[in-house]
């Protein structure tokens, strides 16, 4: 007498993966940065300089998404030194502007980041 073995039915549903709160996943060594809100500055003598007088793009922002990292010649992924939530300084002209849900973000290469502000 042979025992009947139970055959498990495989589900055709895709495996669930944790979803990021952010809708864009940067590729390679790129990060997505939300620029800091522009604020009025004061000169050393106390004069308030409005943001409209500066006419420059912000150079600081908060990282909202990080790519997996750059690949070396052998194809190994090199880990990123920047994490989501870091406040970074980046090159003035080394980013691409994108608008997602009417919010402006910058996509910056890891090499375009000048410093992590702690």
C-alpha atoms as a PDB file:
ATOM      1  CA  UNK A   1       0.000   0.000   0.000  1.00  0.00           C
ATOM      2  CA  UNK A   2       1.482   3.291  -1.107  1.00  0.00           C
ATOM      3  CA  UNK A   3       1.170   6.419   0.921  1.00  0.00           C
ATOM      4  CA  UNK A   4      -0.268   9.404  -0.809  1.00  0.00           C
ATOM      5  CA  UNK A   5       2.008  12.384  -0.546  1.00  0.00           C
ATOM      6  CA  UNK A   6       0.548  15.781  -0.283  1.00  0.00           C
ATOM      7  CA  UNK A   7       1.528  17.993  -3.134  1.00  0.00           C
ATOM      8  CA  UNK A   8       1.604  21.610  -2.180  1.00  0.00           C
ATOM      9  CA  UNK A   9       0.144  23.950  -4.682  1.00  0.00           C
ATOM     10  CA  UNK A  10       2.461  26.770  -5.522  1.00  0.00           C
ATOM     11  CA  UNK A  11       0.914  30.169  -5.323  1.00  0.00           C
ATOM     12  CA  UNK A  12       1.091  32.201  -8.470  1.00  0.00           C
ATOM     13  CA  UNK A  13       1.167  35.382  -6.416  1.00  0.00           C
ATOM     14  CA  UNK A  14       4.420  37.314  -6.364  1.00  0.00           C
ATOM     15  CA  UNK A  15       6.391  37.325  -3.137  1.00  0.00           C
ATOM     16  CA  UNK A  16       5.772  40.367  -1.047  1.00  0.00           C
ATOM     17  CA  UNK A  17       8.652  42.741  -0.576  1.00  0.00           C
ATOM     18  CA  UNK A  18       8.815  45.632   1.824  1.00  0.00           C
ATOM     19  CA  UNK A  19       7.658  48.779   0.087  1.00  0.00           C
ATOM     20  CA  UNK A  20       9.575  51.998   0.393  1.00  0.00           C
ATOM     21  CA  UNK A  21       7.620  55.069   1.354  1.00  0.00           C
ATOM     22  CA  UNK A  22       9.284  56.842  -1.564  1.00  0.00           C
ATOM     23  CA  UNK A  23       8.109  56.060  -5.098  1.00  0.00           C
ATOM     24  CA  UNK A  24      11.481  56.364  -6.875  1.00  0.00           C
ATOM     25  CA  UNK A  25      14.434  53.982  -6.519  1.00  0.00           C
ATOM     26  CA  UNK A  26      17.653  55.540  -7.843  1.00  0.00           C
ATOM     27  CA  UNK A  27      20.030  53.332  -9.821  1.00  0.00           C
ATOM     28  CA  UNK A  28      23.704  52.665  -9.199  1.00  0.00           C
ATOM     29  CA  UNK A  29      25.476  55.212  -7.023  1.00  0.00           C
ATOM     30  CA  UNK A  30      22.786  57.874  -7.231  1.00  0.00           C
ATOM     31  CA  UNK A  31      20.747  59.359  -4.404  1.00  0.00           C
ATOM     32  CA  UNK A  32      17.499  61.345  -4.314  1.00  0.00           C
ATOM     33  CA  UNK A  33      17.712  64.509  -2.220  1.00  0.00           C
ATOM     34  CA  UNK A  34      14.903  66.767  -1.041  1.00  0.00           C
ATOM     35  CA  UNK A  35      16.413  70.269  -0.986  1.00  0.00           C
ATOM     36  CA  UNK A  36      16.225  72.202   2.257  1.00  0.00           C
ATOM     37  CA  UNK A  37      13.747  75.031   2.296  1.00  0.00           C
ATOM     38  CA  UNK A  38      15.404  78.291   1.427  1.00  0.00           C
ATOM     39  CA  UNK A  39      15.679  80.597   4.393  1.00  0.00           C
ATOM     40  CA  UNK A  40      16.596  84.230   4.721  1.00  0.00           C
ATOM     41  CA  UNK A  41      20.172  84.790   5.860  1.00  0.00           C
ATOM     42  CA  UNK A  42      21.765  87.496   7.958  1.00  0.00           C
ATOM     43  CA  UNK A  43      24.995  89.226   7.065  1.00  0.00           C
ATOM     44  CA  UNK A  44      27.663  89.591   9.779  1.00  0.00           C
ATOM     45  CA  UNK A  45      26.404  93.136  10.429  1.00  0.00           C
ATOM     46  CA  UNK A  46      22.817  91.899  10.964  1.00  0.00           C
ATOM     47  CA  UNK A  47      21.264  92.811   7.613  1.00  0.00           C
ATOM     48  CA  UNK A  48      18.694  90.231   6.475  1.00  0.00           C
ATOM     49  CA  UNK A  49      19.421  88.928   2.980  1.00  0.00           C
ATOM     50  CA  UNK A  50      16.253  87.415   1.460  1.00  0.00           C
ATOM     51  CA  UNK A  51      16.475  84.170  -0.469  1.00  0.00           C
ATOM     52  CA  UNK A  52      15.352  85.913  -3.671  1.00  0.00           C
ATOM     53  CA  UNK A  53      18.534  88.013  -3.624  1.00  0.00           C
ATOM     54  CA  UNK A  54      20.768  84.940  -3.639  1.00  0.00           C
ATOM     55  CA  UNK A  55      19.349  83.496  -6.884  1.00  0.00           C
ATOM     56  CA  UNK A  56      21.264  80.247  -6.382  1.00  0.00           C
ATOM     57  CA  UNK A  57      20.071  76.698  -6.046  1.00  0.00           C
ATOM     58  CA  UNK A  58      20.230  75.158  -2.576  1.00  0.00           C
ATOM     59  CA  UNK A  59      23.347  73.128  -1.914  1.00  0.00           C
ATOM     60  CA  UNK A  60      21.981  71.141   1.006  1.00  0.00           C
ATOM     61  CA  UNK A  61      19.251  68.604   1.387  1.00  0.00           C
ATOM     62  CA  UNK A  62      17.980  65.469   3.067  1.00  0.00           C
ATOM     63  CA  UNK A  63      18.491  62.086   1.407  1.00  0.00           C
ATOM     64  CA  UNK A  64      15.153  60.347   0.767  1.00  0.00           C
ATOM     65  CA  UNK A  65      16.329  57.390  -1.373  1.00  0.00           C
ATOM     66  CA  UNK A  66      19.649  55.656  -2.082  1.00  0.00           C
ATOM     67  CA  UNK A  67      20.709  53.384  -4.951  1.00  0.00           C
ATOM     68  CA  UNK A  68      22.342  50.021  -4.354  1.00  0.00           C
ATOM     69  CA  UNK A  69      25.838  51.305  -5.111  1.00  0.00           C
ATOM     70  CA  UNK A  70      28.391  51.448  -7.893  1.00  0.00           C
ATOM     71  CA  UNK A  71      29.762  48.290  -9.470  1.00  0.00           C
ATOM     72  CA  UNK A  72      33.486  47.644  -9.851  1.00  0.00           C
ATOM     73  CA  UNK A  73      35.195  45.949 -12.827  1.00  0.00           C
ATOM     74  CA  UNK A  74      34.335  42.462 -11.533  1.00  0.00           C
ATOM     75  CA  UNK A  75      30.675  43.361 -11.114  1.00  0.00           C
ATOM     76  CA  UNK A  76      30.725  43.492  -7.315  1.00  0.00           C
ATOM     77  CA  UNK A  77      28.509  46.158  -5.749  1.00  0.00           C
ATOM     78  CA  UNK A  78      30.389  48.737  -3.689  1.00  0.00           C
ATOM     79  CA  UNK A  79      28.268  49.850  -0.750  1.00  0.00           C
ATOM     80  CA  UNK A  80      27.110  53.439  -0.428  1.00  0.00           C
ATOM     81  CA  UNK A  81      28.483  55.635   2.363  1.00  0.00           C
ATOM     82  CA  UNK A  82      25.297  57.756   2.353  1.00  0.00           C
ATOM     83  CA  UNK A  83      22.072  56.623   4.031  1.00  0.00           C
ATOM     84  CA  UNK A  84      18.451  57.722   3.889  1.00  0.00           C
ATOM     85  CA  UNK A  85      17.941  60.558   6.366  1.00  0.00           C
ATOM     86  CA  UNK A  86      21.461  62.019   6.025  1.00  0.00           C
ATOM     87  CA  UNK A  87      21.737  65.758   5.439  1.00  0.00           C
ATOM     88  CA  UNK A  88      24.234  66.342   2.648  1.00  0.00           C
ATOM     89  CA  UNK A  89      26.001  69.190   0.873  1.00  0.00           C
ATOM     90  CA  UNK A  90      26.301  68.717  -2.878  1.00  0.00           C
ATOM     91  CA  UNK A  91      27.763  70.477  -5.872  1.00  0.00           C
ATOM     92  CA  UNK A  92      25.668  73.414  -7.142  1.00  0.00           C
ATOM     93  CA  UNK A  93      25.512  72.154 -10.698  1.00  0.00           C
ATOM     94  CA  UNK A  94      25.992  68.403 -10.283  1.00  0.00           C
ATOM     95  CA  UNK A  95      22.368  67.261 -10.038  1.00  0.00           C
ATOM     96  CA  UNK A  96      19.230  66.674 -12.080  1.00  0.00           C
ATOM     97  CA  UNK A  97      15.957  68.260 -10.998  1.00  0.00           C
ATOM     98  CA  UNK A  98      12.833  66.098 -10.959  1.00  0.00           C
ATOM     99  CA  UNK A  99       9.303  66.765  -9.769  1.00  0.00           C
ATOM    100  CA  UNK A 100       7.403  63.938  -8.112  1.00  0.00           C
ATOM    101  CA  UNK A 101       3.848  64.609  -6.930  1.00  0.00           C
ATOM    102  CA  UNK A 102       4.491  68.364  -7.277  1.00  0.00           C
ATOM    103  CA  UNK A 103       7.505  68.210  -4.950  1.00  0.00           C
ATOM    104  CA  UNK A 104      10.970  69.086  -6.258  1.00  0.00           C
ATOM    105  CA  UNK A 105      13.809  66.607  -5.719  1.00  0.00           C
ATOM    106  CA  UNK A 106      17.378  66.373  -6.952  1.00  0.00           C
ATOM    107  CA  UNK A 107      19.079  63.228  -8.214  1.00  0.00           C
ATOM    108  CA  UNK A 108      22.764  63.389  -7.315  1.00  0.00           C
ATOM    109  CA  UNK A 109      25.611  60.964  -7.951  1.00  0.00           C
ATOM    110  CA  UNK A 110      27.472  59.888  -4.820  1.00  0.00           C
ATOM    111  CA  UNK A 111      30.600  61.549  -6.248  1.00  0.00           C
ATOM    112  CA  UNK A 112      28.643  64.853  -6.440  1.00  0.00           C
ATOM    113  CA  UNK A 113      28.113  64.845  -2.678  1.00  0.00           C
ATOM    114  CA  UNK A 114      30.671  67.075  -0.985  1.00  0.00           C
ATOM    115  CA  UNK A 115      29.931  66.270   2.668  1.00  0.00           C
ATOM    116  CA  UNK A 116      27.519  64.694   5.128  1.00  0.00           C
ATOM    117  CA  UNK A 117      26.370  67.251   7.714  1.00  0.00           C
ATOM    118  CA  UNK A 118      26.117  65.873  11.240  1.00  0.00           C
END
